Amino acid sequence: MMHWNAIGAVAMALAVMLGAFGAHGLRDRLDAYSMGVYEKAVFYHFVHALGILIVSMMRPVDGGRVCGLLGLGILLFSGSLYLLAVTGTRTLGMVTPLGGVAFIAGWLYLAYLVSAKTV
């Protein structure tokens, strides 16, 4: 059984660390476009890690699938943007929409669970 609240907390800590790394370690190394991409990755990482924490604490909903989709979204969306910003490899941008689809699917699945009165 996954402990999504712990995973969400670790994802939040990683977002803080990666945000600090970007602000302090990459500020002078990335151009404005790449820094914007990196900051977008951090923002979505934070929002969805917080989402994992919130969903994992909702009772009695079994939010494991929701949390899994949000986690997958962080990995694919934010992960691809982090790499795109740092490496400049534009083909990584093809992965980003898959992460966006995972985010959307996670939130829509949560809406379904809530509307089905499982919360």
PDB file of N, CA and C in Angstrom:
ATOM      1  N   MET A   1       0.847  -1.193   0.000  1.00  0.00           N
ATOM      2  CA  MET A   1       0.000   0.000   0.000  1.00  0.00           C
ATOM      3  C   MET A   1       0.883   1.244   0.000  1.00  0.00           C
ATOM      4  N   MET A   2       0.563   2.167  -0.893  1.00  0.00           N
ATOM      5  CA  MET A   2       1.334   3.411  -0.991  1.00  0.00           C
ATOM      6  C   MET A   2       0.942   4.343   0.147  1.00  0.00           C
ATOM      7  N   HIS A   3       1.901   5.030   0.681  1.00  0.00           N
ATOM      8  CA  HIS A   3       1.667   6.043   1.706  1.00  0.00           C
ATOM      9  C   HIS A   3       1.751   7.402   1.016  1.00  0.00           C
ATOM     10  N   TRP A   4       0.625   7.800   0.399  1.00  0.00           N
ATOM     11  CA  TRP A   4       0.621   8.987  -0.443  1.00  0.00           C
ATOM     12  C   TRP A   4       0.897  10.255   0.335  1.00  0.00           C
ATOM     13  N   ASN A   5       0.521  10.297   1.625  1.00  0.00           N
ATOM     14  CA  ASN A   5       0.826  11.507   2.380  1.00  0.00           C
ATOM     15  C   ASN A   5       2.338  11.684   2.539  1.00  0.00           C
ATOM     16  N   ALA A   6       3.053  10.604   2.745  1.00  0.00           N
ATOM     17  CA  ALA A   6       4.517  10.681   2.833  1.00  0.00           C
ATOM     18  C   ALA A   6       5.114  11.026   1.468  1.00  0.00           C
ATOM     19  N   ILE A   7       4.584  10.429   0.416  1.00  0.00           N
ATOM     20  CA  ILE A   7       5.078  10.727  -0.932  1.00  0.00           C
ATOM     21  C   ILE A   7       4.821  12.195  -1.268  1.00  0.00           C
ATOM     22  N   GLY A   8       3.640  12.697  -0.904  1.00  0.00           N
ATOM     23  CA  GLY A   8       3.332  14.103  -1.134  1.00  0.00           C
ATOM     24  C   GLY A   8       4.272  15.029  -0.376  1.00  0.00           C
ATOM     25  N   ALA A   9       4.583  14.670   0.869  1.00  0.00           N
ATOM     26  CA  ALA A   9       5.507  15.493   1.663  1.00  0.00           C
ATOM     27  C   ALA A   9       6.904  15.497   1.047  1.00  0.00           C
ATOM     28  N   VAL A  10       7.353  14.345   0.592  1.00  0.00           N
ATOM     29  CA  VAL A  10       8.670  14.277  -0.068  1.00  0.00           C
ATOM     30  C   VAL A  10       8.640  15.077  -1.370  1.00  0.00           C
ATOM     31  N   ALA A  11       7.546  14.991  -2.115  1.00  0.00           N
ATOM     32  CA  ALA A  11       7.429  15.762  -3.359  1.00  0.00           C
ATOM     33  C   ALA A  11       7.461  17.259  -3.070  1.00  0.00           C
ATOM     34  N   MET A  12       6.852  17.684  -1.961  1.00  0.00           N
ATOM     35  CA  MET A  12       6.909  19.099  -1.572  1.00  0.00           C
ATOM     36  C   MET A  12       8.343  19.500  -1.245  1.00  0.00           C
ATOM     37  N   ALA A  13       9.051  18.661  -0.484  1.00  0.00           N
ATOM     38  CA  ALA A  13      10.444  18.961  -0.136  1.00  0.00           C
ATOM     39  C   ALA A  13      11.301  19.064  -1.399  1.00  0.00           C
ATOM     40  N   LEU A  14      11.085  18.152  -2.351  1.00  0.00           N
ATOM     41  CA  LEU A  14      11.831  18.208  -3.616  1.00  0.00           C
ATOM     42  C   LEU A  14      11.525  19.486  -4.386  1.00  0.00           C
ATOM     43  N   ALA A  15      10.267  19.916  -4.354  1.00  0.00           N
ATOM     44  CA  ALA A  15       9.904  21.160  -5.041  1.00  0.00           C
ATOM     45  C   ALA A  15      10.650  22.340  -4.435  1.00  0.00           C
ATOM     46  N   VAL A  16      10.740  22.372  -3.105  1.00  0.00           N
ATOM     47  CA  VAL A  16      11.484  23.449  -2.447  1.00  0.00           C
ATOM     48  C   VAL A  16      12.956  23.391  -2.837  1.00  0.00           C
ATOM     49  N   MET A  17      13.531  22.193  -2.795  1.00  0.00           N
ATOM     50  CA  MET A  17      14.947  22.055  -3.134  1.00  0.00           C
ATOM     51  C   MET A  17      15.229  22.439  -4.583  1.00  0.00           C
ATOM     52  N   LEU A  18      14.384  21.963  -5.501  1.00  0.00           N
ATOM     53  CA  LEU A  18      14.590  22.280  -6.914  1.00  0.00           C
ATOM     54  C   LEU A  18      14.338  23.760  -7.187  1.00  0.00           C
ATOM     55  N   GLY A  19      13.372  24.350  -6.478  1.00  0.00           N
ATOM     56  CA  GLY A  19      13.134  25.784  -6.620  1.00  0.00           C
ATOM     57  C   GLY A  19      14.328  26.594  -6.142  1.00  0.00           C
ATOM     58  N   ALA A  20      14.887  26.210  -5.001  1.00  0.00           N
ATOM     59  CA  ALA A  20      16.061  26.905  -4.470  1.00  0.00           C
ATOM     60  C   ALA A  20      17.266  26.715  -5.398  1.00  0.00           C
ATOM     61  N   PHE A  21      17.418  25.510  -5.912  1.00  0.00           N
ATOM     62  CA  PHE A  21      18.513  25.254  -6.850  1.00  0.00           C
ATOM     63  C   PHE A  21      18.386  26.138  -8.082  1.00  0.00           C
ATOM     64  N   GLY A  22      17.168  26.258  -8.588  1.00  0.00           N
ATOM     65  CA  GLY A  22      16.949  27.107  -9.752  1.00  0.00           C
ATOM     66  C   GLY A  22      17.238  28.563  -9.454  1.00  0.00           C
ATOM     67  N   ALA A  23      16.766  29.030  -8.301  1.00  0.00           N
ATOM     68  CA  ALA A  23      16.947  30.435  -7.954  1.00  0.00           C
ATOM     69  C   ALA A  23      18.399  30.790  -7.668  1.00  0.00           C
ATOM     70  N   HIS A  24      19.126  29.879  -7.065  1.00  0.00           N
ATOM     71  CA  HIS A  24      20.492  30.193  -6.645  1.00  0.00           C
ATOM     72  C   HIS A  24      21.567  29.553  -7.526  1.00  0.00           C
ATOM     73  N   GLY A  25      21.303  28.361  -8.005  1.00  0.00           N
ATOM     74  CA  GLY A  25      22.327  27.653  -8.770  1.00  0.00           C
ATOM     75  C   GLY A  25      22.241  27.841 -10.266  1.00  0.00           C
ATOM     76  N   LEU A  26      21.050  28.189 -10.756  1.00  0.00           N
ATOM     77  CA  LEU A  26      20.882  28.282 -12.207  1.00  0.00           C
ATOM     78  C   LEU A  26      20.640  29.699 -12.711  1.00  0.00           C
ATOM     79  N   ARG A  27      20.397  30.636 -11.820  1.00  0.00           N
ATOM     80  CA  ARG A  27      20.020  31.998 -12.216  1.00  0.00           C
ATOM     81  C   ARG A  27      21.005  32.594 -13.226  1.00  0.00           C
ATOM     82  N   ASP A  28      22.269  32.396 -13.018  1.00  0.00           N
ATOM     83  CA  ASP A  28      23.282  32.973 -13.920  1.00  0.00           C
ATOM     84  C   ASP A  28      23.647  32.049 -15.079  1.00  0.00           C
ATOM     85  N   ARG A  29      23.099  30.859 -15.109  1.00  0.00           N
ATOM     86  CA  ARG A  29      23.453  29.882 -16.146  1.00  0.00           C
ATOM     87  C   ARG A  29      22.381  29.738 -17.230  1.00  0.00           C
ATOM     88  N   LEU A  30      21.140  30.105 -16.904  1.00  0.00           N
ATOM     89  CA  LEU A  30      20.051  29.934 -17.861  1.00  0.00           C
ATOM     90  C   LEU A  30      19.624  31.279 -18.428  1.00  0.00           C
ATOM     91  N   ASP A  31      19.215  31.273 -19.690  1.00  0.00           N
ATOM     92  CA  ASP A  31      18.654  32.493 -20.266  1.00  0.00           C
ATOM     93  C   ASP A  31      17.236  32.687 -19.733  1.00  0.00           C
ATOM     94  N   ALA A  32      16.631  33.814 -20.081  1.00  0.00           N
ATOM     95  CA  ALA A  32      15.312  34.153 -19.535  1.00  0.00           C
ATOM     96  C   ALA A  32      14.258  33.102 -19.906  1.00  0.00           C
ATOM     97  N   TYR A  33      14.292  32.619 -21.151  1.00  0.00           N
ATOM     98  CA  TYR A  33      13.324  31.604 -21.572  1.00  0.00           C
ATOM     99  C   TYR A  33      13.476  30.337 -20.742  1.00  0.00           C
ATOM    100  N   SER A  34      14.688  29.828 -20.615  1.00  0.00           N
ATOM    101  CA  SER A  34      14.922  28.587 -19.867  1.00  0.00           C
ATOM    102  C   SER A  34      14.584  28.753 -18.396  1.00  0.00           C
ATOM    103  N   MET A  35      14.867  29.930 -17.829  1.00  0.00           N
ATOM    104  CA  MET A  35      14.510  30.164 -16.431  1.00  0.00           C
ATOM    105  C   MET A  35      12.993  30.167 -16.262  1.00  0.00           C
ATOM    106  N   GLY A  36      12.295  30.741 -17.229  1.00  0.00           N
ATOM    107  CA  GLY A  36      10.829  30.716 -17.184  1.00  0.00           C
ATOM    108  C   GLY A  36      10.284  29.303 -17.246  1.00  0.00           C
ATOM    109  N   VAL A  37      10.872  28.464 -18.089  1.00  0.00           N
ATOM    110  CA  VAL A  37      10.472  27.057 -18.193  1.00  0.00           C
ATOM    111  C   VAL A  37      10.722  26.351 -16.856  1.00  0.00           C
ATOM    112  N   TYR A  38      11.886  26.595 -16.271  1.00  0.00           N
ATOM    113  CA  TYR A  38      12.237  25.968 -14.997  1.00  0.00           C
ATOM    114  C   TYR A  38      11.266  26.405 -13.899  1.00  0.00           C
ATOM    115  N   GLU A  39      10.966  27.694 -13.857  1.00  0.00           N
ATOM    116  CA  GLU A  39      10.039  28.207 -12.844  1.00  0.00           C
ATOM    117  C   GLU A  39       8.642  27.623 -13.027  1.00  0.00           C
ATOM    118  N   LYS A  40       8.214  27.424 -14.270  1.00  0.00           N
ATOM    119  CA  LYS A  40       6.913  26.793 -14.539  1.00  0.00           C
ATOM    120  C   LYS A  40       6.908  25.363 -14.008  1.00  0.00           C
ATOM    121  N   ALA A  41       8.017  24.653 -14.197  1.00  0.00           N
ATOM    122  CA  ALA A  41       8.128  23.282 -13.685  1.00  0.00           C
ATOM    123  C   ALA A  41       8.004  23.261 -12.165  1.00  0.00           C
ATOM    124  N   VAL A  42       8.676  24.197 -11.504  1.00  0.00           N
ATOM    125  CA  VAL A  42       8.611  24.258 -10.040  1.00  0.00           C
ATOM    126  C   VAL A  42       7.191  24.567  -9.584  1.00  0.00           C
ATOM    127  N   PHE A  43       6.532  25.520 -10.242  1.00  0.00           N
ATOM    128  CA  PHE A  43       5.170  25.890  -9.864  1.00  0.00           C
ATOM    129  C   PHE A  43       4.214  24.700  -9.949  1.00  0.00           C
ATOM    130  N   TYR A  44       4.221  24.013 -11.082  1.00  0.00           N
ATOM    131  CA  TYR A  44       3.328  22.861 -11.243  1.00  0.00           C
ATOM    132  C   TYR A  44       3.705  21.733 -10.289  1.00  0.00           C
ATOM    133  N   HIS A  45       4.983  21.576 -10.027  1.00  0.00           N
ATOM    134  CA  HIS A  45       5.455  20.577  -9.067  1.00  0.00           C
ATOM    135  C   HIS A  45       4.850  20.869  -7.697  1.00  0.00           C
ATOM    136  N   PHE A  46       4.957  22.128  -7.240  1.00  0.00           N
ATOM    137  CA  PHE A  46       4.407  22.517  -5.938  1.00  0.00           C
ATOM    138  C   PHE A  46       2.906  22.275  -5.865  1.00  0.00           C
ATOM    139  N   VAL A  47       2.180  22.782  -6.831  1.00  0.00           N
ATOM    140  CA  VAL A  47       0.719  22.694  -6.811  1.00  0.00           C
ATOM    141  C   VAL A  47       0.260  21.245  -6.733  1.00  0.00           C
ATOM    142  N   HIS A  48       0.871  20.385  -7.536  1.00  0.00           N
ATOM    143  CA  HIS A  48       0.403  19.008  -7.593  1.00  0.00           C
ATOM    144  C   HIS A  48       0.931  18.154  -6.446  1.00  0.00           C
ATOM    145  N   ALA A  49       2.087  18.495  -5.898  1.00  0.00           N
ATOM    146  CA  ALA A  49       2.546  17.816  -4.673  1.00  0.00           C
ATOM    147  C   ALA A  49       1.600  18.156  -3.523  1.00  0.00           C
ATOM    148  N   LEU A  50       1.175  19.415  -3.451  1.00  0.00           N
ATOM    149  CA  LEU A  50       0.190  19.806  -2.446  1.00  0.00           C
ATOM    150  C   LEU A  50      -1.121  19.070  -2.684  1.00  0.00           C
ATOM    151  N   GLY A  51      -1.482  18.914  -3.943  1.00  0.00           N
ATOM    152  CA  GLY A  51      -2.677  18.140  -4.280  1.00  0.00           C
ATOM    153  C   GLY A  51      -2.583  16.711  -3.778  1.00  0.00           C
ATOM    154  N   ILE A  52      -1.428  16.096  -3.932  1.00  0.00           N
ATOM    155  CA  ILE A  52      -1.241  14.731  -3.426  1.00  0.00           C
ATOM    156  C   ILE A  52      -1.457  14.700  -1.917  1.00  0.00           C
ATOM    157  N   LEU A  53      -0.895  15.679  -1.216  1.00  0.00           N
ATOM    158  CA  LEU A  53      -1.071  15.732   0.246  1.00  0.00           C
ATOM    159  C   LEU A  53      -2.540  15.863   0.622  1.00  0.00           C
ATOM    160  N   ILE A  54      -3.238  16.759  -0.033  1.00  0.00           N
ATOM    161  CA  ILE A  54      -4.649  16.996   0.295  1.00  0.00           C
ATOM    162  C   ILE A  54      -5.492  15.772  -0.016  1.00  0.00           C
ATOM    163  N   VAL A  55      -5.329  15.224  -1.210  1.00  0.00           N
ATOM    164  CA  VAL A  55      -6.133  14.060  -1.603  1.00  0.00           C
ATOM    165  C   VAL A  55      -5.838  12.871  -0.698  1.00  0.00           C
ATOM    166  N   SER A  56      -4.576  12.703  -0.307  1.00  0.00           N
ATOM    167  CA  SER A  56      -4.222  11.554   0.541  1.00  0.00           C
ATOM    168  C   SER A  56      -4.866  11.625   1.914  1.00  0.00           C
ATOM    169  N   MET A  57      -5.298  12.811   2.319  1.00  0.00           N
ATOM    170  CA  MET A  57      -5.916  12.970   3.637  1.00  0.00           C
ATOM    171  C   MET A  57      -7.432  13.020   3.579  1.00  0.00           C
ATOM    172  N   MET A  58      -7.998  12.956   2.395  1.00  0.00           N
ATOM    173  CA  MET A  58      -9.459  12.963   2.263  1.00  0.00           C
ATOM    174  C   MET A  58     -10.004  11.603   2.654  1.00  0.00           C
ATOM    175  N   ARG A  59     -10.954  11.595   3.520  1.00  0.00           N
ATOM    176  CA  ARG A  59     -11.575  10.351   3.949  1.00  0.00           C
ATOM    177  C   ARG A  59     -13.058  10.412   3.643  1.00  0.00           C
ATOM    178  N   PRO A  60     -13.688   9.358   3.273  1.00  0.00           N
ATOM    179  CA  PRO A  60     -13.171   8.015   3.098  1.00  0.00           C
ATOM    180  C   PRO A  60     -12.745   7.707   1.663  1.00  0.00           C
ATOM    181  N   VAL A  61     -12.521   8.721   0.843  1.00  0.00           N
ATOM    182  CA  VAL A  61     -12.169   8.479  -0.557  1.00  0.00           C
ATOM    183  C   VAL A  61     -10.853   7.707  -0.653  1.00  0.00           C
ATOM    184  N   ASP A  62     -10.817   6.748  -1.563  1.00  0.00           N
ATOM    185  CA  ASP A  62      -9.568   6.056  -1.866  1.00  0.00           C
ATOM    186  C   ASP A  62      -8.923   6.826  -3.004  1.00  0.00           C
ATOM    187  N   GLY A  63      -8.065   7.756  -2.656  1.00  0.00           N
ATOM    188  CA  GLY A  63      -7.472   8.638  -3.651  1.00  0.00           C
ATOM    189  C   GLY A  63      -6.174   8.129  -4.232  1.00  0.00           C
ATOM    190  N   GLY A  64      -5.896   6.835  -4.066  1.00  0.00           N
ATOM    191  CA  GLY A  64      -4.639   6.291  -4.566  1.00  0.00           C
ATOM    192  C   GLY A  64      -4.436   6.507  -6.046  1.00  0.00           C
ATOM    193  N   ARG A  65      -5.475   6.290  -6.839  1.00  0.00           N
ATOM    194  CA  ARG A  65      -5.345   6.499  -8.289  1.00  0.00           C
ATOM    195  C   ARG A  65      -5.177   7.978  -8.607  1.00  0.00           C
ATOM    196  N   VAL A  66      -5.913   8.822  -7.880  1.00  0.00           N
ATOM    197  CA  VAL A  66      -5.774  10.265  -8.091  1.00  0.00           C
ATOM    198  C   VAL A  66      -4.338  10.683  -7.792  1.00  0.00           C
ATOM    199  N   CYS A  67      -3.833  10.264  -6.641  1.00  0.00           N
ATOM    200  CA  CYS A  67      -2.455  10.612  -6.258  1.00  0.00           C
ATOM    201  C   CYS A  67      -1.444  10.048  -7.252  1.00  0.00           C
ATOM    202  N   GLY A  68      -1.693   8.847  -7.732  1.00  0.00           N
ATOM    203  CA  GLY A  68      -0.803   8.249  -8.719  1.00  0.00           C
ATOM    204  C   GLY A  68      -0.761   9.062 -10.005  1.00  0.00           C
ATOM    205  N   LEU A  69      -1.924   9.531 -10.444  1.00  0.00           N
ATOM    206  CA  LEU A  69      -1.970  10.356 -11.657  1.00  0.00           C
ATOM    207  C   LEU A  69      -1.269  11.696 -11.441  1.00  0.00           C
ATOM    208  N   LEU A  70      -1.481  12.296 -10.272  1.00  0.00           N
ATOM    209  CA  LEU A  70      -0.814  13.569  -9.983  1.00  0.00           C
ATOM    210  C   LEU A  70       0.697  13.369  -9.894  1.00  0.00           C
ATOM    211  N   GLY A  71       1.124  12.277  -9.279  1.00  0.00           N
ATOM    212  CA  GLY A  71       2.559  11.980  -9.196  1.00  0.00           C
ATOM    213  C   GLY A  71       3.163  11.737 -10.570  1.00  0.00           C
ATOM    214  N   LEU A  72       2.438  11.003 -11.405  1.00  0.00           N
ATOM    215  CA  LEU A  72       2.888  10.776 -12.777  1.00  0.00           C
ATOM    216  C   LEU A  72       2.991  12.099 -13.529  1.00  0.00           C
ATOM    217  N   GLY A  73       2.025  12.972 -13.294  1.00  0.00           N
ATOM    218  CA  GLY A  73       2.054  14.283 -13.922  1.00  0.00           C
ATOM    219  C   GLY A  73       3.275  15.087 -13.509  1.00  0.00           C
ATOM    220  N   ILE A  74       3.616  15.047 -12.206  1.00  0.00           N
ATOM    221  CA  ILE A  74       4.817  15.750 -11.741  1.00  0.00           C
ATOM    222  C   ILE A  74       6.041  15.205 -12.461  1.00  0.00           C
ATOM    223  N   LEU A  75       6.132  13.896 -12.513  1.00  0.00           N
ATOM    224  CA  LEU A  75       7.290  13.268 -13.154  1.00  0.00           C
ATOM    225  C   LEU A  75       7.395  13.664 -14.627  1.00  0.00           C
ATOM    226  N   LEU A  76       6.296  13.538 -15.361  1.00  0.00           N
ATOM    227  CA  LEU A  76       6.330  13.785 -16.800  1.00  0.00           C
ATOM    228  C   LEU A  76       6.324  15.268 -17.147  1.00  0.00           C
ATOM    229  N   PHE A  77       5.418  16.027 -16.533  1.00  0.00           N
ATOM    230  CA  PHE A  77       5.290  17.446 -16.870  1.00  0.00           C
ATOM    231  C   PHE A  77       6.475  18.233 -16.313  1.00  0.00           C
ATOM    232  N   SER A  78       6.572  18.260 -14.987  1.00  0.00           N
ATOM    233  CA  SER A  78       7.651  19.045 -14.381  1.00  0.00           C
ATOM    234  C   SER A  78       9.014  18.454 -14.716  1.00  0.00           C
ATOM    235  N   GLY A  79       9.128  17.138 -14.682  1.00  0.00           N
ATOM    236  CA  GLY A  79      10.413  16.505 -14.980  1.00  0.00           C
ATOM    237  C   GLY A  79      10.922  16.852 -16.360  1.00  0.00           C
ATOM    238  N   SER A  80      10.034  16.808 -17.347  1.00  0.00           N
ATOM    239  CA  SER A  80      10.469  17.138 -18.707  1.00  0.00           C
ATOM    240  C   SER A  80      10.835  18.614 -18.826  1.00  0.00           C
ATOM    241  N   LEU A  81      10.106  19.473 -18.118  1.00  0.00           N
ATOM    242  CA  LEU A  81      10.441  20.898 -18.167  1.00  0.00           C
ATOM    243  C   LEU A  81      11.754  21.203 -17.449  1.00  0.00           C
ATOM    244  N   TYR A  82      12.006  20.530 -16.314  1.00  0.00           N
ATOM    245  CA  TYR A  82      13.296  20.707 -15.636  1.00  0.00           C
ATOM    246  C   TYR A  82      14.432  20.359 -16.596  1.00  0.00           C
ATOM    247  N   LEU A  83      14.300  19.201 -17.237  1.00  0.00           N
ATOM    248  CA  LEU A  83      15.350  18.757 -18.151  1.00  0.00           C
ATOM    249  C   LEU A  83      15.463  19.661 -19.371  1.00  0.00           C
ATOM    250  N   LEU A  84      14.333  20.094 -19.907  1.00  0.00           N
ATOM    251  CA  LEU A  84      14.348  20.998 -21.054  1.00  0.00           C
ATOM    252  C   LEU A  84      15.084  22.291 -20.705  1.00  0.00           C
ATOM    253  N   ALA A  85      14.778  22.843 -19.530  1.00  0.00           N
ATOM    254  CA  ALA A  85      15.406  24.102 -19.121  1.00  0.00           C
ATOM    255  C   ALA A  85      16.910  23.953 -18.961  1.00  0.00           C
ATOM    256  N   VAL A  86      17.339  22.848 -18.367  1.00  0.00           N
ATOM    257  CA  VAL A  86      18.759  22.667 -18.052  1.00  0.00           C
ATOM    258  C   VAL A  86      19.568  22.220 -19.268  1.00  0.00           C
ATOM    259  N   THR A  87      18.982  21.351 -20.101  1.00  0.00           N
ATOM    260  CA  THR A  87      19.739  20.800 -21.226  1.00  0.00           C
ATOM    261  C   THR A  87      19.495  21.534 -22.538  1.00  0.00           C
ATOM    262  N   GLY A  88      18.356  22.199 -22.661  1.00  0.00           N
ATOM    263  CA  GLY A  88      18.012  22.845 -23.923  1.00  0.00           C
ATOM    264  C   GLY A  88      17.521  21.882 -24.982  1.00  0.00           C
ATOM    265  N   THR A  89      17.340  20.623 -24.623  1.00  0.00           N
ATOM    266  CA  THR A  89      16.876  19.604 -25.566  1.00  0.00           C
ATOM    267  C   THR A  89      15.372  19.769 -25.791  1.00  0.00           C
ATOM    268  N   ARG A  90      15.027  20.372 -26.896  1.00  0.00           N
ATOM    269  CA  ARG A  90      13.625  20.718 -27.193  1.00  0.00           C
ATOM    270  C   ARG A  90      12.721  19.493 -27.357  1.00  0.00           C
ATOM    271  N   THR A  91      13.276  18.372 -27.766  1.00  0.00           N
ATOM    272  CA  THR A  91      12.432  17.182 -27.956  1.00  0.00           C
ATOM    273  C   THR A  91      11.824  16.703 -26.644  1.00  0.00           C
ATOM    274  N   LEU A  92      12.405  17.093 -25.514  1.00  0.00           N
ATOM    275  CA  LEU A  92      11.821  16.732 -24.220  1.00  0.00           C
ATOM    276  C   LEU A  92      10.438  17.357 -24.051  1.00  0.00           C
ATOM    277  N   GLY A  93      10.204  18.453 -24.757  1.00  0.00           N
ATOM    278  CA  GLY A  93       8.906  19.112 -24.700  1.00  0.00           C
ATOM    279  C   GLY A  93       7.766  18.245 -25.186  1.00  0.00           C
ATOM    280  N   MET A  94       8.085  17.179 -25.928  1.00  0.00           N
ATOM    281  CA  MET A  94       7.031  16.275 -26.403  1.00  0.00           C
ATOM    282  C   MET A  94       6.443  15.458 -25.263  1.00  0.00           C
ATOM    283  N   VAL A  95       7.176  15.296 -24.175  1.00  0.00           N
ATOM    284  CA  VAL A  95       6.706  14.519 -23.025  1.00  0.00           C
ATOM    285  C   VAL A  95       5.783  15.357 -22.146  1.00  0.00           C
ATOM    286  N   THR A  96       5.995  16.665 -22.133  1.00  0.00           N
ATOM    287  CA  THR A  96       5.276  17.562 -21.237  1.00  0.00           C
ATOM    288  C   THR A  96       3.754  17.417 -21.331  1.00  0.00           C
ATOM    289  N   PRO A  97       3.161  17.384 -22.529  1.00  0.00           N
ATOM    290  CA  PRO A  97       1.699  17.256 -22.601  1.00  0.00           C
ATOM    291  C   PRO A  97       1.168  15.960 -21.972  1.00  0.00           C
ATOM    292  N   LEU A  98       1.964  14.909 -21.989  1.00  0.00           N
ATOM    293  CA  LEU A  98       1.520  13.664 -21.343  1.00  0.00           C
ATOM    294  C   LEU A  98       1.364  13.876 -19.834  1.00  0.00           C
ATOM    295  N   GLY A  99       2.268  14.653 -19.272  1.00  0.00           N
ATOM    296  CA  GLY A  99       2.138  14.997 -17.859  1.00  0.00           C
ATOM    297  C   GLY A  99       0.908  15.847 -17.608  1.00  0.00           C
ATOM    298  N   GLY A 100       0.638  16.776 -18.521  1.00  0.00           N
ATOM    299  CA  GLY A 100      -0.567  17.594 -18.398  1.00  0.00           C
ATOM    300  C   GLY A 100      -1.832  16.754 -18.452  1.00  0.00           C
ATOM    301  N   VAL A 101      -1.838  15.757 -19.315  1.00  0.00           N
ATOM    302  CA  VAL A 101      -2.990  14.846 -19.398  1.00  0.00           C
ATOM    303  C   VAL A 101      -3.144  14.071 -18.093  1.00  0.00           C
ATOM    304  N   ALA A 102      -2.041  13.645 -17.497  1.00  0.00           N
ATOM    305  CA  ALA A 102      -2.106  12.943 -16.206  1.00  0.00           C
ATOM    306  C   ALA A 102      -2.673  13.857 -15.125  1.00  0.00           C
ATOM    307  N   PHE A 103      -2.257  15.130 -15.099  1.00  0.00           N
ATOM    308  CA  PHE A 103      -2.821  16.082 -14.138  1.00  0.00           C
ATOM    309  C   PHE A 103      -4.328  16.206 -14.324  1.00  0.00           C
ATOM    310  N   ILE A 104      -4.743  16.442 -15.558  1.00  0.00           N
ATOM    311  CA  ILE A 104      -6.163  16.615 -15.851  1.00  0.00           C
ATOM    312  C   ILE A 104      -6.949  15.364 -15.470  1.00  0.00           C
ATOM    313  N   ALA A 105      -6.437  14.201 -15.831  1.00  0.00           N
ATOM    314  CA  ALA A 105      -7.118  12.944 -15.507  1.00  0.00           C
ATOM    315  C   ALA A 105      -7.244  12.772 -13.994  1.00  0.00           C
ATOM    316  N   GLY A 106      -6.202  13.122 -13.260  1.00  0.00           N
ATOM    317  CA  GLY A 106      -6.245  13.011 -11.800  1.00  0.00           C
ATOM    318  C   GLY A 106      -7.320  13.890 -11.199  1.00  0.00           C
ATOM    319  N   TRP A 107      -7.370  15.138 -11.626  1.00  0.00           N
ATOM    320  CA  TRP A 107      -8.377  16.045 -11.073  1.00  0.00           C
ATOM    321  C   TRP A 107      -9.789  15.648 -11.495  1.00  0.00           C
ATOM    322  N   LEU A 108      -9.959  15.207 -12.740  1.00  0.00           N
ATOM    323  CA  LEU A 108     -11.288  14.764 -13.175  1.00  0.00           C
ATOM    324  C   LEU A 108     -11.718  13.499 -12.447  1.00  0.00           C
ATOM    325  N   TYR A 109     -10.786  12.601 -12.192  1.00  0.00           N
ATOM    326  CA  TYR A 109     -11.123  11.394 -11.452  1.00  0.00           C
ATOM    327  C   TYR A 109     -11.528  11.748 -10.021  1.00  0.00           C
ATOM    328  N   LEU A 110     -10.850  12.709  -9.419  1.00  0.00           N
ATOM    329  CA  LEU A 110     -11.252  13.166  -8.085  1.00  0.00           C
ATOM    330  C   LEU A 110     -12.662  13.751  -8.128  1.00  0.00           C
ATOM    331  N   ALA A 111     -12.957  14.546  -9.150  1.00  0.00           N
ATOM    332  CA  ALA A 111     -14.305  15.100  -9.291  1.00  0.00           C
ATOM    333  C   ALA A 111     -15.336  13.988  -9.395  1.00  0.00           C
ATOM    334  N   TYR A 112     -15.031  12.950 -10.140  1.00  0.00           N
ATOM    335  CA  TYR A 112     -15.925  11.795 -10.250  1.00  0.00           C
ATOM    336  C   TYR A 112     -16.132  11.147  -8.883  1.00  0.00           C
ATOM    337  N   LEU A 113     -15.056  10.918  -8.161  1.00  0.00           N
ATOM    338  CA  LEU A 113     -15.179  10.280  -6.843  1.00  0.00           C
ATOM    339  C   LEU A 113     -16.025  11.104  -5.900  1.00  0.00           C
ATOM    340  N   VAL A 114     -15.817  12.405  -5.925  1.00  0.00           N
ATOM    341  CA  VAL A 114     -16.585  13.291  -5.059  1.00  0.00           C
ATOM    342  C   VAL A 114     -18.059  13.297  -5.469  1.00  0.00           C
ATOM    343  N   SER A 115     -18.322  13.370  -6.768  1.00  0.00           N
ATOM    344  CA  SER A 115     -19.705  13.407  -7.237  1.00  0.00           C
ATOM    345  C   SER A 115     -20.418  12.086  -7.014  1.00  0.00           C
ATOM    346  N   ALA A 116     -19.655  11.006  -6.965  1.00  0.00           N
ATOM    347  CA  ALA A 116     -20.247   9.689  -6.718  1.00  0.00           C
ATOM    348  C   ALA A 116     -20.473   9.465  -5.210  1.00  0.00           C
ATOM    349  N   LYS A 117     -20.230  10.515  -4.440  1.00  0.00           N
ATOM    350  CA  LYS A 117     -20.432  10.508  -2.995  1.00  0.00           C
ATOM    351  C   LYS A 117     -19.589   9.451  -2.289  1.00  0.00           C
ATOM    352  N   THR A 118     -18.369   9.285  -2.780  1.00  0.00           N
ATOM    353  CA  THR A 118     -17.457   8.371  -2.098  1.00  0.00           C
ATOM    354  C   THR A 118     -16.616   9.105  -1.076  1.00  0.00           C
ATOM    355  N   VAL A 119     -16.800  10.438  -1.010  1.00  0.00           N
ATOM    356  CA  VAL A 119     -16.051  11.229  -0.016  1.00  0.00           C
ATOM    357  C   VAL A 119     -16.932  11.474   1.178  1.00  0.00           C
TER     358      VAL A 119
END
